[in-house]
PDB file of N, CA and C in Angstrom:
ATOM      1  N   MET A   1      95.078  28.869  22.386  1.00  0.00           N
ATOM      2  CA  MET A   1      93.687  30.132  22.510  1.00  0.00           C
ATOM      3  C   MET A   1      93.955  31.003  23.309  1.00  0.00           C
ATOM      4  N   GLU A   2      93.576  32.257  23.663  1.00  0.00           N
ATOM      5  CA  GLU A   2      94.238  33.054  24.470  1.00  0.00           C
ATOM      6  C   GLU A   2      93.282  33.391  25.439  1.00  0.00           C
ATOM      7  N   PRO A   3      93.456  33.379  26.911  1.00  0.00           N
ATOM      8  CA  PRO A   3      92.633  33.555  27.796  1.00  0.00           C
ATOM      9  C   PRO A   3      92.029  34.957  27.636  1.00  0.00           C
ATOM     10  N   GLN A   4      90.876  35.238  28.059  1.00  0.00           N
ATOM     11  CA  GLN A   4      90.410  36.717  27.984  1.00  0.00           C
ATOM     12  C   GLN A   4      90.423  37.341  29.287  1.00  0.00           C
ATOM     13  N   LYS A   5      90.276  36.451  30.419  1.00  0.00           N
ATOM     14  CA  LYS A   5      90.424  37.563  31.359  1.00  0.00           C
ATOM     15  C   LYS A   5      91.074  36.612  32.368  1.00  0.00           C
ATOM     16  N   GLN A   6      92.040  36.874  33.135  1.00  0.00           N
ATOM     17  CA  GLN A   6      92.745  35.803  34.078  1.00  0.00           C
ATOM     18  C   GLN A   6      92.163  35.994  35.474  1.00  0.00           C
ATOM     19  N   PRO A   7      91.822  34.359  35.800  1.00  0.00           N
ATOM     20  CA  PRO A   7      91.203  34.533  37.431  1.00  0.00           C
ATOM     21  C   PRO A   7      92.572  34.731  38.062  1.00  0.00           C
ATOM     22  N   ALA A   8      92.630  34.978  39.686  1.00  0.00           N
ATOM     23  CA  ALA A   8      93.375  35.194  40.334  1.00  0.00           C
ATOM     24  C   ALA A   8      94.244  33.823  40.545  1.00  0.00           C
ATOM     25  N   ALA A   9      95.157  33.411  40.546  1.00  0.00           N
ATOM     26  CA  ALA A   9      96.242  32.299  40.480  1.00  0.00           C
ATOM     27  C   ALA A   9      97.429  32.008  41.040  1.00  0.00           C
ATOM     28  N   ARG A  10      97.350  31.145  41.967  1.00  0.00           N
ATOM     29  CA  ARG A  10      98.676  31.145  43.194  1.00  0.00           C
ATOM     30  C   ARG A  10      98.530  29.429  43.767  1.00  0.00           C
ATOM     31  N   PRO A  11      99.209  28.746  44.112  1.00  0.00           N
ATOM     32  CA  PRO A  11      99.285  27.403  44.798  1.00  0.00           C
ATOM     33  C   PRO A  11      98.931  27.772  46.061  1.00  0.00           C
ATOM     34  N   VAL A  12      98.385  26.883  46.459  1.00  0.00           N
ATOM     35  CA  VAL A  12      98.057  26.327  48.105  1.00  0.00           C
ATOM     36  C   VAL A  12      98.928  25.963  48.056  1.00  0.00           C
ATOM     37  N   ARG A  13      99.339  26.700  49.723  1.00  0.00           N
ATOM     38  CA  ARG A  13     100.399  26.294  50.731  1.00  0.00           C
ATOM     39  C   ARG A  13     100.011  25.879  51.843  1.00  0.00           C
ATOM     40  N   GLY A  14     100.245  24.918  52.876  1.00  0.00           N
ATOM     41  CA  GLY A  14     100.170  25.038  53.999  1.00  0.00           C
ATOM     42  C   GLY A  14      99.194  23.642  54.315  1.00  0.00           C
ATOM     43  N   MET A  15      98.608  23.045  53.165  1.00  0.00           N
ATOM     44  CA  MET A  15      97.859  22.299  53.393  1.00  0.00           C
ATOM     45  C   MET A  15      98.371  20.866  53.165  1.00  0.00           C
ATOM     46  N   VAL A  16      97.847  19.957  53.478  1.00  0.00           N
ATOM     47  CA  VAL A  16      98.259  18.293  53.821  1.00  0.00           C
ATOM     48  C   VAL A  16      97.239  18.170  52.683  1.00  0.00           C
ATOM     49  N   ASP A  17      98.034  17.733  51.505  1.00  0.00           N
ATOM     50  CA  ASP A  17      96.830  16.856  50.550  1.00  0.00           C
ATOM     51  C   ASP A  17      97.631  15.457  49.929  1.00  0.00           C
ATOM     52  N   ASN A  18      96.445  14.245  49.825  1.00  0.00           N
ATOM     53  CA  ASN A  18      96.748  13.020  49.013  1.00  0.00           C
ATOM     54  C   ASN A  18      96.569  13.049  47.589  1.00  0.00           C
ATOM     55  N   ARG A  19      95.973  13.786  47.247  1.00  0.00           N
ATOM     56  CA  ARG A  19      95.797  14.113  45.713  1.00  0.00           C
ATOM     57  C   ARG A  19      97.197  13.851  45.150  1.00  0.00           C
ATOM     58  N   ARG A  20      96.742  13.331  44.030  1.00  0.00           N
ATOM     59  CA  ARG A  20      97.946  12.699  42.809  1.00  0.00           C
ATOM     60  C   ARG A  20      97.847  14.369  41.916  1.00  0.00           C
ATOM     61  N   GLN A  21      97.379  15.198  41.568  1.00  0.00           N
ATOM     62  CA  GLN A  21      97.462  16.353  41.192  1.00  0.00           C
ATOM     63  C   GLN A  21      97.791  17.694  42.278  1.00  0.00           C
ATOM     64  N   PRO A  22      98.478  18.274  42.262  1.00  0.00           N
ATOM     65  CA  PRO A  22      99.004  19.800  42.767  1.00  0.00           C
ATOM     66  C   PRO A  22      97.487  20.514  42.393  1.00  0.00           C
ATOM     67  N   ARG A  23      96.986  21.108  43.396  1.00  0.00           N
ATOM     68  CA  ARG A  23      95.999  22.157  43.626  1.00  0.00           C
ATOM     69  C   ARG A  23      96.512  23.447  43.436  1.00  0.00           C
ATOM     70  N   PHE A  24      95.640  24.350  42.655  1.00  0.00           N
ATOM     71  CA  PHE A  24      96.104  25.688  42.060  1.00  0.00           C
ATOM     72  C   PHE A  24      95.294  26.648  42.808  1.00  0.00           C
ATOM     73  N   LYS A  25      95.111  27.805  43.515  1.00  0.00           N
ATOM     74  CA  LYS A  25      94.322  28.952  44.082  1.00  0.00           C
ATOM     75  C   LYS A  25      93.521  29.239  42.623  1.00  0.00           C
ATOM     76  N   LEU A  26      92.105  29.419  42.819  1.00  0.00           N
ATOM     77  CA  LEU A  26      91.332  29.898  41.904  1.00  0.00           C
ATOM     78  C   LEU A  26      90.054  30.374  42.505  1.00  0.00           C
ATOM     79  N   GLU A  27      89.980  31.497  42.162  1.00  0.00           N
ATOM     80  CA  GLU A  27      88.562  32.264  41.982  1.00  0.00           C
ATOM     81  C   GLU A  27      87.655  32.637  41.518  1.00  0.00           C
ATOM     82  N   VAL A  28      86.702  31.969  41.374  1.00  0.00           N
ATOM     83  CA  VAL A  28      86.007  32.198  39.770  1.00  0.00           C
ATOM     84  C   VAL A  28      84.040  31.516  40.288  1.00  0.00           C
ATOM     85  N   LYS A  29      83.085  32.514  40.055  1.00  0.00           N
ATOM     86  CA  LYS A  29      81.836  31.894  40.670  1.00  0.00           C
ATOM     87  C   LYS A  29      81.869  30.509  39.835  1.00  0.00           C
ATOM     88  N   ILE A  30      80.622  30.175  41.037  1.00  0.00           N
ATOM     89  CA  ILE A  30      80.222  28.680  40.512  1.00  0.00           C
ATOM     90  C   ILE A  30      78.709  28.114  40.468  1.00  0.00           C
ATOM     91  N   THR A  31      78.003  27.567  39.761  1.00  0.00           N
ATOM     92  CA  THR A  31      77.077  27.031  40.053  1.00  0.00           C
ATOM     93  C   THR A  31      76.768  25.830  40.309  1.00  0.00           C
ATOM     94  N   ILE A  32      76.058  25.544  41.465  1.00  0.00           N
ATOM     95  CA  ILE A  32      75.946  24.020  41.775  1.00  0.00           C
ATOM     96  C   ILE A  32      74.537  23.997  42.047  1.00  0.00           C
ATOM     97  N   ASN A  33      74.208  22.656  40.563  1.00  0.00           N
ATOM     98  CA  ASN A  33      72.769  22.050  40.902  1.00  0.00           C
ATOM     99  C   ASN A  33      72.978  20.801  41.292  1.00  0.00           C
ATOM    100  N   SER A  34      72.177  20.932  42.899  1.00  0.00           N
ATOM    101  CA  SER A  34      72.096  20.114  43.555  1.00  0.00           C
ATOM    102  C   SER A  34      70.490  19.145  43.614  1.00  0.00           C
ATOM    103  N   ARG A  35      70.404  18.284  43.679  1.00  0.00           N
ATOM    104  CA  ARG A  35      69.092  17.383  43.592  1.00  0.00           C
ATOM    105  C   ARG A  35      67.972  17.707  45.185  1.00  0.00           C
ATOM    106  N   THR A  36      69.066  18.186  46.003  1.00  0.00           N
ATOM    107  CA  THR A  36      68.495  17.786  47.561  1.00  0.00           C
ATOM    108  C   THR A  36      68.500  19.402  48.200  1.00  0.00           C
ATOM    109  N   CYS A  37      69.273  20.275  47.328  1.00  0.00           N
ATOM    110  CA  CYS A  37      69.250  21.575  47.982  1.00  0.00           C
ATOM    111  C   CYS A  37      69.116  22.430  46.621  1.00  0.00           C
ATOM    112  N   GLY A  38      68.873  22.020  45.601  1.00  0.00           N
ATOM    113  CA  GLY A  38      68.482  23.263  44.208  1.00  0.00           C
ATOM    114  C   GLY A  38      69.716  23.761  43.573  1.00  0.00           C
ATOM    115  N   LEU A  39      69.290  24.993  43.233  1.00  0.00           N
ATOM    116  CA  LEU A  39      70.661  26.219  42.621  1.00  0.00           C
ATOM    117  C   LEU A  39      71.366  26.826  43.652  1.00  0.00           C
ATOM    118  N   LEU A  40      72.611  26.682  43.834  1.00  0.00           N
ATOM    119  CA  LEU A  40      73.392  27.067  45.033  1.00  0.00           C
ATOM    120  C   LEU A  40      74.206  27.920  43.989  1.00  0.00           C
ATOM    121  N   GLN A  41      74.728  29.363  44.719  1.00  0.00           N
ATOM    122  CA  GLN A  41      76.228  30.181  44.127  1.00  0.00           C
ATOM    123  C   GLN A  41      76.929  30.025  45.341  1.00  0.00           C
ATOM    124  N   GLY A  42      78.138  30.051  44.787  1.00  0.00           N
ATOM    125  CA  GLY A  42      79.619  30.323  45.613  1.00  0.00           C
ATOM    126  C   GLY A  42      80.175  30.123  44.674  1.00  0.00           C
ATOM    127  N   HIS A  43      81.704  30.352  45.506  1.00  0.00           N
ATOM    128  CA  HIS A  43      82.499  30.847  44.770  1.00  0.00           C
ATOM    129  C   HIS A  43      83.839  29.555  44.843  1.00  0.00           C
ATOM    130  N   THR A  44      84.971  29.478  44.014  1.00  0.00           N
ATOM    131  CA  THR A  44      85.476  28.214  44.280  1.00  0.00           C
ATOM    132  C   THR A  44      87.326  28.906  44.708  1.00  0.00           C
ATOM    133  N   LEU A  45      87.741  27.899  45.522  1.00  0.00           N
ATOM    134  CA  LEU A  45      88.826  28.377  46.236  1.00  0.00           C
ATOM    135  C   LEU A  45      90.408  27.918  45.293  1.00  0.00           C
ATOM    136  N   ASP A  46      90.384  26.598  45.028  1.00  0.00           N
ATOM    137  CA  ASP A  46      91.001  26.057  44.232  1.00  0.00           C
ATOM    138  C   ASP A  46      90.561  24.930  43.442  1.00  0.00           C
ATOM    139  N   ILE A  47      91.745  24.628  42.432  1.00  0.00           N
ATOM    140  CA  ILE A  47      91.133  23.348  41.214  1.00  0.00           C
ATOM    141  C   ILE A  47      93.098  22.571  41.202  1.00  0.00           C
ATOM    142  N   SER A  48      92.060  21.385  40.975  1.00  0.00           N
ATOM    143  CA  SER A  48      93.613  20.534  40.313  1.00  0.00           C
ATOM    144  C   SER A  48      92.405  19.950  39.134  1.00  0.00           C
ATOM    145  N   GLU A  49      93.419  18.719  38.579  1.00  0.00           N
ATOM    146  CA  GLU A  49      92.647  17.936  37.551  1.00  0.00           C
ATOM    147  C   GLU A  49      91.286  17.013  37.930  1.00  0.00           C
ATOM    148  N   SER A  50      91.586  16.925  39.015  1.00  0.00           N
ATOM    149  CA  SER A  50      90.542  15.981  39.393  1.00  0.00           C
ATOM    150  C   SER A  50      89.547  16.213  40.225  1.00  0.00           C
ATOM    151  N   GLY A  51      89.542  17.808  40.782  1.00  0.00           N
ATOM    152  CA  GLY A  51      88.146  18.182  41.637  1.00  0.00           C
ATOM    153  C   GLY A  51      88.512  19.663  42.363  1.00  0.00           C
ATOM    154  N   ILE A  52      87.966  20.496  42.434  1.00  0.00           N
ATOM    155  CA  ILE A  52      87.405  21.488  42.931  1.00  0.00           C
ATOM    156  C   ILE A  52      86.753  21.927  44.463  1.00  0.00           C
ATOM    157  N   SER A  53      87.286  22.875  44.884  1.00  0.00           N
ATOM    158  CA  SER A  53      86.841  23.139  46.193  1.00  0.00           C
ATOM    159  C   SER A  53      86.070  24.947  46.086  1.00  0.00           C
ATOM    160  N   ALA A  54      85.104  24.770  46.732  1.00  0.00           N
ATOM    161  CA  ALA A  54      84.119  25.910  46.834  1.00  0.00           C
ATOM    162  C   ALA A  54      83.622  26.295  48.499  1.00  0.00           C
ATOM    163  N   MET A  55      83.181  27.969  48.318  1.00  0.00           N
ATOM    164  CA  MET A  55      82.586  27.691  49.322  1.00  0.00           C
ATOM    165  C   MET A  55      80.851  28.117  49.384  1.00  0.00           C
ATOM    166  N   LEU A  56      80.089  27.498  50.044  1.00  0.00           N
ATOM    167  CA  LEU A  56      78.829  27.277  49.606  1.00  0.00           C
ATOM    168  C   LEU A  56      78.125  28.107  51.239  1.00  0.00           C
ATOM    169  N   ARG A  57      76.892  28.949  50.748  1.00  0.00           N
ATOM    170  CA  ARG A  57      76.178  29.275  51.959  1.00  0.00           C
ATOM    171  C   ARG A  57      75.175  27.918  52.756  1.00  0.00           C
ATOM    172  N   ILE A  58      74.766  27.145  51.598  1.00  0.00           N
ATOM    173  CA  ILE A  58      73.906  26.310  52.159  1.00  0.00           C
ATOM    174  C   ILE A  58      74.859  24.857  52.122  1.00  0.00           C
ATOM    175  N   GLU A  59      74.171  23.999  53.176  1.00  0.00           N
ATOM    176  CA  GLU A  59      74.542  22.492  53.273  1.00  0.00           C
ATOM    177  C   GLU A  59      74.667  21.441  52.030  1.00  0.00           C
ATOM    178  N   VAL A  60      75.439  21.297  51.566  1.00  0.00           N
ATOM    179  CA  VAL A  60      75.117  19.894  50.663  1.00  0.00           C
ATOM    180  C   VAL A  60      75.410  18.779  51.199  1.00  0.00           C
ATOM    181  N   PRO A  61      74.832  17.484  50.647  1.00  0.00           N
ATOM    182  CA  PRO A  61      75.591  16.726  51.311  1.00  0.00           C
ATOM    183  C   PRO A  61      76.323  15.526  51.235  1.00  0.00           C
ATOM    184  N   LEU A  62      77.441  15.143  51.842  1.00  0.00           N
ATOM    185  CA  LEU A  62      78.560  14.216  51.255  1.00  0.00           C
ATOM    186  C   LEU A  62      78.068  12.982  50.510  1.00  0.00           C
ATOM    187  N   GLY A  63      78.800  12.523  49.477  1.00  0.00           N
ATOM    188  CA  GLY A  63      78.339  11.603  48.822  1.00  0.00           C
ATOM    189  C   GLY A  63      77.605  11.711  47.573  1.00  0.00           C
ATOM    190  N   GLU A  64      76.821  13.436  47.648  1.00  0.00           N
ATOM    191  CA  GLU A  64      75.908  13.107  46.442  1.00  0.00           C
ATOM    192  C   GLU A  64      76.445  14.112  45.067  1.00  0.00           C
ATOM    193  N   LEU A  65      75.706  13.433  43.827  1.00  0.00           N
ATOM    194  CA  LEU A  65      76.271  13.615  42.622  1.00  0.00           C
ATOM    195  C   LEU A  65      75.690  15.284  42.711  1.00  0.00           C
ATOM    196  N   VAL A  66      76.330  16.233  41.711  1.00  0.00           N
ATOM    197  CA  VAL A  66      76.441  17.062  42.019  1.00  0.00           C
ATOM    198  C   VAL A  66      76.492  18.018  40.105  1.00  0.00           C
ATOM    199  N   GLU A  67      75.700  19.044  39.845  1.00  0.00           N
ATOM    200  CA  GLU A  67      76.566  19.385  38.630  1.00  0.00           C
ATOM    201  C   GLU A  67      77.096  20.745  38.757  1.00  0.00           C
ATOM    202  N   LEU A  68      78.335  21.020  38.179  1.00  0.00           N
ATOM    203  CA  LEU A  68      79.035  22.098  38.689  1.00  0.00           C
ATOM    204  C   LEU A  68      78.799  22.931  37.346  1.00  0.00           C
ATOM    205  N   GLU A  69      78.873  24.183  37.044  1.00  0.00           N
ATOM    206  CA  GLU A  69      78.908  25.246  36.385  1.00  0.00           C
ATOM    207  C   GLU A  69      79.697  26.382  36.542  1.00  0.00           C
ATOM    208  N   PHE A  70      81.041  26.356  35.928  1.00  0.00           N
ATOM    209  CA  PHE A  70      82.031  27.618  36.299  1.00  0.00           C
ATOM    210  C   PHE A  70      82.507  28.177  34.828  1.00  0.00           C
ATOM    211  N   THR A  71      83.633  29.392  34.981  1.00  0.00           N
ATOM    212  CA  THR A  71      84.268  29.669  33.799  1.00  0.00           C
ATOM    213  C   THR A  71      85.404  29.813  34.120  1.00  0.00           C
ATOM    214  N   LEU A  72      86.170  28.783  33.308  1.00  0.00           N
ATOM    215  CA  LEU A  72      87.966  29.086  33.298  1.00  0.00           C
ATOM    216  C   LEU A  72      88.653  29.755  32.368  1.00  0.00           C
ATOM    217  N   PRO A  73      89.780  30.176  32.520  1.00  0.00           N
ATOM    218  CA  PRO A  73      90.466  31.117  31.276  1.00  0.00           C
ATOM    219  C   PRO A  73      90.417  30.145  29.652  1.00  0.00           C
ATOM    220  N   PHE A  74      89.947  29.004  29.787  1.00  0.00           N
ATOM    221  CA  PHE A  74      90.412  28.687  28.890  1.00  0.00           C
ATOM    222  C   PHE A  74      88.485  28.107  28.345  1.00  0.00           C
ATOM    223  N   GLY A  75      87.523  28.367  28.949  1.00  0.00           N
ATOM    224  CA  GLY A  75      86.364  28.329  28.203  1.00  0.00           C
ATOM    225  C   GLY A  75      85.279  27.585  29.422  1.00  0.00           C
ATOM    226  N   HIS A  76      84.365  27.793  29.270  1.00  0.00           N
ATOM    227  CA  HIS A  76      83.089  26.889  30.269  1.00  0.00           C
ATOM    228  C   HIS A  76      83.185  25.894  30.411  1.00  0.00           C
ATOM    229  N   VAL A  77      82.414  25.321  31.497  1.00  0.00           N
ATOM    230  CA  VAL A  77      82.583  24.151  31.992  1.00  0.00           C
ATOM    231  C   VAL A  77      81.396  24.001  32.710  1.00  0.00           C
ATOM    232  N   VAL A  78      80.670  22.217  32.020  1.00  0.00           N
ATOM    233  CA  VAL A  78      79.796  22.162  32.892  1.00  0.00           C
ATOM    234  C   VAL A  78      79.774  20.887  33.012  1.00  0.00           C
ATOM    235  N   LEU A  79      79.917  20.223  34.163  1.00  0.00           N
ATOM    236  CA  LEU A  79      80.151  18.777  34.645  1.00  0.00           C
ATOM    237  C   LEU A  79      79.811  18.276  35.723  1.00  0.00           C
ATOM    238  N   TYR A  80      79.768  17.031  35.710  1.00  0.00           N
ATOM    239  CA  TYR A  80      79.334  16.251  37.379  1.00  0.00           C
ATOM    240  C   TYR A  80      80.152  16.131  38.693  1.00  0.00           C
ATOM    241  N   ALA A  81      80.045  16.288  39.620  1.00  0.00           N
ATOM    242  CA  ALA A  81      80.795  15.785  40.666  1.00  0.00           C
ATOM    243  C   ALA A  81      80.509  15.489  41.931  1.00  0.00           C
ATOM    244  N   LEU A  82      81.308  14.461  42.646  1.00  0.00           N
ATOM    245  CA  LEU A  82      80.956  14.205  43.678  1.00  0.00           C
ATOM    246  C   LEU A  82      80.882  14.791  45.013  1.00  0.00           C
ATOM    247  N   VAL A  83      80.038  14.975  45.805  1.00  0.00           N
ATOM    248  CA  VAL A  83      81.007  15.913  46.926  1.00  0.00           C
ATOM    249  C   VAL A  83      81.740  14.998  47.884  1.00  0.00           C
ATOM    250  N   ARG A  84      82.559  15.162  48.568  1.00  0.00           N
ATOM    251  CA  ARG A  84      83.676  14.822  48.687  1.00  0.00           C
ATOM    252  C   ARG A  84      83.669  15.034  50.569  1.00  0.00           C
ATOM    253  N   GLN A  85      84.249  16.360  50.659  1.00  0.00           N
ATOM    254  CA  GLN A  85      84.611  17.014  51.756  1.00  0.00           C
ATOM    255  C   GLN A  85      84.113  17.958  52.341  1.00  0.00           C
ATOM    256  N   LYS A  86      83.860  18.099  53.350  1.00  0.00           N
ATOM    257  CA  LYS A  86      82.794  19.523  54.246  1.00  0.00           C
ATOM    258  C   LYS A  86      83.680  19.717  54.896  1.00  0.00           C
ATOM    259  N   ARG A  87      84.137  21.132  54.795  1.00  0.00           N
ATOM    260  CA  ARG A  87      84.789  21.523  56.721  1.00  0.00           C
ATOM    261  C   ARG A  87      84.094  23.102  56.462  1.00  0.00           C
ATOM    262  N   ALA A  88      83.129  23.305  57.484  1.00  0.00           N
ATOM    263  CA  ALA A  88      82.542  24.395  57.768  1.00  0.00           C
ATOM    264  C   ALA A  88      81.655  24.660  56.511  1.00  0.00           C
ATOM    265  N   PHE A  89      81.694  25.836  55.627  1.00  0.00           N
ATOM    266  CA  PHE A  89      81.487  25.989  54.266  1.00  0.00           C
ATOM    267  C   PHE A  89      82.109  25.940  53.130  1.00  0.00           C
ATOM    268  N   ARG A  90      83.367  25.142  53.385  1.00  0.00           N
ATOM    269  CA  ARG A  90      83.985  24.581  52.321  1.00  0.00           C
ATOM    270  C   ARG A  90      83.801  23.282  51.699  1.00  0.00           C
ATOM    271  N   TYR A  91      83.685  23.273  50.610  1.00  0.00           N
ATOM    272  CA  TYR A  91      83.688  21.996  49.947  1.00  0.00           C
ATOM    273  C   TYR A  91      84.222  21.230  48.751  1.00  0.00           C
ATOM    274  N   GLY A  92      84.435  20.305  49.091  1.00  0.00           N
ATOM    275  CA  GLY A  92      85.497  19.527  48.110  1.00  0.00           C
ATOM    276  C   GLY A  92      84.932  18.157  47.106  1.00  0.00           C
ATOM    277  N   PHE A  93      84.635  18.763  45.891  1.00  0.00           N
ATOM    278  CA  PHE A  93      84.102  18.142  44.687  1.00  0.00           C
ATOM    279  C   PHE A  93      85.244  17.130  43.688  1.00  0.00           C
ATOM    280  N   GLN A  94      85.063  16.503  43.625  1.00  0.00           N
ATOM    281  CA  GLN A  94      85.923  15.082  43.111  1.00  0.00           C
ATOM    282  C   GLN A  94      85.163  15.393  41.250  1.00  0.00           C
ATOM    283  N   PHE A  95      85.507  15.512  40.316  1.00  0.00           N
ATOM    284  CA  PHE A  95      84.946  15.247  38.952  1.00  0.00           C
ATOM    285  C   PHE A  95      84.739  14.020  38.498  1.00  0.00           C
ATOM    286  N   VAL A  96      83.414  13.736  38.343  1.00  0.00           N
ATOM    287  CA  VAL A  96      83.025  12.493  37.450  1.00  0.00           C
ATOM    288  C   VAL A  96      83.194  12.454  35.663  1.00  0.00           C
ATOM    289  N   GLY A  97      83.829  11.895  35.390  1.00  0.00           N
ATOM    290  CA  GLY A  97      83.072  11.836  33.905  1.00  0.00           C
ATOM    291  C   GLY A  97      83.370  13.382  33.026  1.00  0.00           C
ATOM    292  N   LEU A  98      84.571  13.683  33.138  1.00  0.00           N
ATOM    293  CA  LEU A  98      85.109  14.872  32.953  1.00  0.00           C
ATOM    294  C   LEU A  98      84.867  14.964  31.049  1.00  0.00           C
ATOM    295  N   ASP A  99      85.128  14.283  29.783  1.00  0.00           N
ATOM    296  CA  ASP A  99      85.191  14.232  28.815  1.00  0.00           C
ATOM    297  C   ASP A  99      85.103  15.460  28.470  1.00  0.00           C
ATOM    298  N   SER A 100      84.481  16.189  27.799  1.00  0.00           N
ATOM    299  CA  SER A 100      84.473  17.458  27.061  1.00  0.00           C
ATOM    300  C   SER A 100      85.128  18.446  28.037  1.00  0.00           C
ATOM    301  N   ALA A 101      84.745  18.465  29.021  1.00  0.00           N
ATOM    302  CA  ALA A 101      85.958  19.575  30.236  1.00  0.00           C
ATOM    303  C   ALA A 101      87.169  19.214  30.114  1.00  0.00           C
ATOM    304  N   LYS A 102      87.376  18.019  29.899  1.00  0.00           N
ATOM    305  CA  LYS A 102      88.718  17.462  30.563  1.00  0.00           C
ATOM    306  C   LYS A 102      89.414  18.743  29.750  1.00  0.00           C
ATOM    307  N   GLU A 103      89.930  18.668  28.896  1.00  0.00           N
ATOM    308  CA  GLU A 103      91.084  20.287  28.017  1.00  0.00           C
ATOM    309  C   GLU A 103      90.942  21.568  29.115  1.00  0.00           C
ATOM    310  N   ILE A 104      89.342  21.443  28.737  1.00  0.00           N
ATOM    311  CA  ILE A 104      89.657  23.040  29.148  1.00  0.00           C
ATOM    312  C   ILE A 104      90.390  23.189  30.626  1.00  0.00           C
ATOM    313  N   ILE A 105      89.900  21.933  31.486  1.00  0.00           N
ATOM    314  CA  ILE A 105      90.588  22.212  33.292  1.00  0.00           C
ATOM    315  C   ILE A 105      91.810  21.717  33.140  1.00  0.00           C
ATOM    316  N   GLN A 106      92.462  20.506  32.253  1.00  0.00           N
ATOM    317  CA  GLN A 106      94.167  20.210  32.015  1.00  0.00           C
ATOM    318  C   GLN A 106      94.625  21.679  31.659  1.00  0.00           C
ATOM    319  N   ALA A 107      93.899  22.301  30.782  1.00  0.00           N
ATOM    320  CA  ALA A 107      94.940  23.641  29.877  1.00  0.00           C
ATOM    321  C   ALA A 107      94.777  24.412  31.051  1.00  0.00           C
ATOM    322  N   THR A 108      94.103  24.646  31.929  1.00  0.00           N
ATOM    323  CA  THR A 108      94.241  26.144  32.634  1.00  0.00           C
ATOM    324  C   THR A 108      94.773  25.068  34.288  1.00  0.00           C
ATOM    325  N   CYS A 109      95.021  24.325  34.480  1.00  0.00           N
ATOM    326  CA  CYS A 109      96.287  23.857  35.774  1.00  0.00           C
ATOM    327  C   CYS A 109      97.508  24.013  34.688  1.00  0.00           C
ATOM    328  N   ARG A 110      97.663  23.562  33.425  1.00  0.00           N
ATOM    329  CA  ARG A 110      98.478  23.691  33.391  1.00  0.00           C
ATOM    330  C   ARG A 110      99.394  25.325  32.689  1.00  0.00           C
ATOM    331  N   GLN A 111      98.419  26.369  32.691  1.00  0.00           N
ATOM    332  CA  GLN A 111      98.578  28.035  32.768  1.00  0.00           C
ATOM    333  C   GLN A 111      99.144  27.990  34.389  1.00  0.00           C
ATOM    334  N   LEU A 112      98.315  27.434  35.084  1.00  0.00           N
ATOM    335  CA  LEU A 112      98.298  28.015  36.574  1.00  0.00           C
ATOM    336  C   LEU A 112      99.146  27.293  37.083  1.00  0.00           C
ATOM    337  N   ALA A 113     100.415  25.967  36.755  1.00  0.00           N
ATOM    338  CA  ALA A 113     101.589  25.577  37.176  1.00  0.00           C
ATOM    339  C   ALA A 113     102.676  26.351  36.526  1.00  0.00           C
ATOM    340  N   VAL A 114     102.312  27.144  35.502  1.00  0.00           N
ATOM    341  CA  VAL A 114     103.629  27.996  34.382  1.00  0.00           C
ATOM    342  C   VAL A 114     103.652  29.393  35.610  1.00  0.00           C
ATOM    343  N   GLU A 115     102.436  29.970  36.070  1.00  0.00           N
ATOM    344  CA  GLU A 115     102.155  30.805  36.774  1.00  0.00           C
ATOM    345  C   GLU A 115     102.756  30.923  38.026  1.00  0.00           C
ATOM    346  N   GLN A 116     102.349  29.513  38.664  1.00  0.00           N
ATOM    347  CA  GLN A 116     103.362  29.460  40.012  1.00  0.00           C
ATOM    348  C   GLN A 116     104.680  29.631  40.385  1.00  0.00           C
ATOM    349  N   THR A 117     105.347  28.846  38.960  1.00  0.00           N
ATOM    350  CA  THR A 117     106.497  28.778  38.842  1.00  0.00           C
ATOM    351  C   THR A 117     107.164  29.836  38.765  1.00  0.00           C
ATOM    352  N   LEU A 118     106.700  30.554  37.556  1.00  0.00           N
ATOM    353  CA  LEU A 118     107.100  32.171  37.535  1.00  0.00           C
ATOM    354  C   LEU A 118     107.121  32.869  39.232  1.00  0.00           C
ATOM    355  N   GLY A 119     105.857  32.732  39.657  1.00  0.00           N
ATOM    356  CA  GLY A 119     105.421  33.558  40.938  1.00  0.00           C
ATOM    357  C   GLY A 119     106.695  33.517  41.948  1.00  0.00           C
ATOM    358  N   GLU A 120     107.529  31.633  41.889  1.00  0.00           N
ATOM    359  CA  GLU A 120     108.343  31.792  43.085  1.00  0.00           C
ATOM    360  C   GLU A 120     109.761  32.346  42.943  1.00  0.00           C
ATOM    361  N   SER A 121     110.048  32.247  41.215  1.00  0.00           N
ATOM    362  CA  SER A 121     110.985  33.072  40.857  1.00  0.00           C
ATOM    363  C   SER A 121     111.678  34.032  42.064  1.00  0.00           C
TER     364      SER A 121
END
């Protein structure tokens, strides 16, 4: 499958990270559907196979299960995630029950890993 439009992508540097999967810079629009806050708009900062971070203008409670919707180079993604971290307006979301979105997210991370390697050469 050929990506139609490439989002900006590069590895996130200088961050302490306890994740097992690397994260990659990814800037796309994201919609968050929260039971407590309603429908929110934001933009992503980075992605890994296990989660995504985004900038939001409205506070979302830590631990809440939310629905995320965004578009990656290999397709549109709608999935659930837990709100795991908050630093000012930056939120970290952990994917839950990826199912159909898993292949799209994995393909995107593989593509970003290649771009990262080529960019460092």
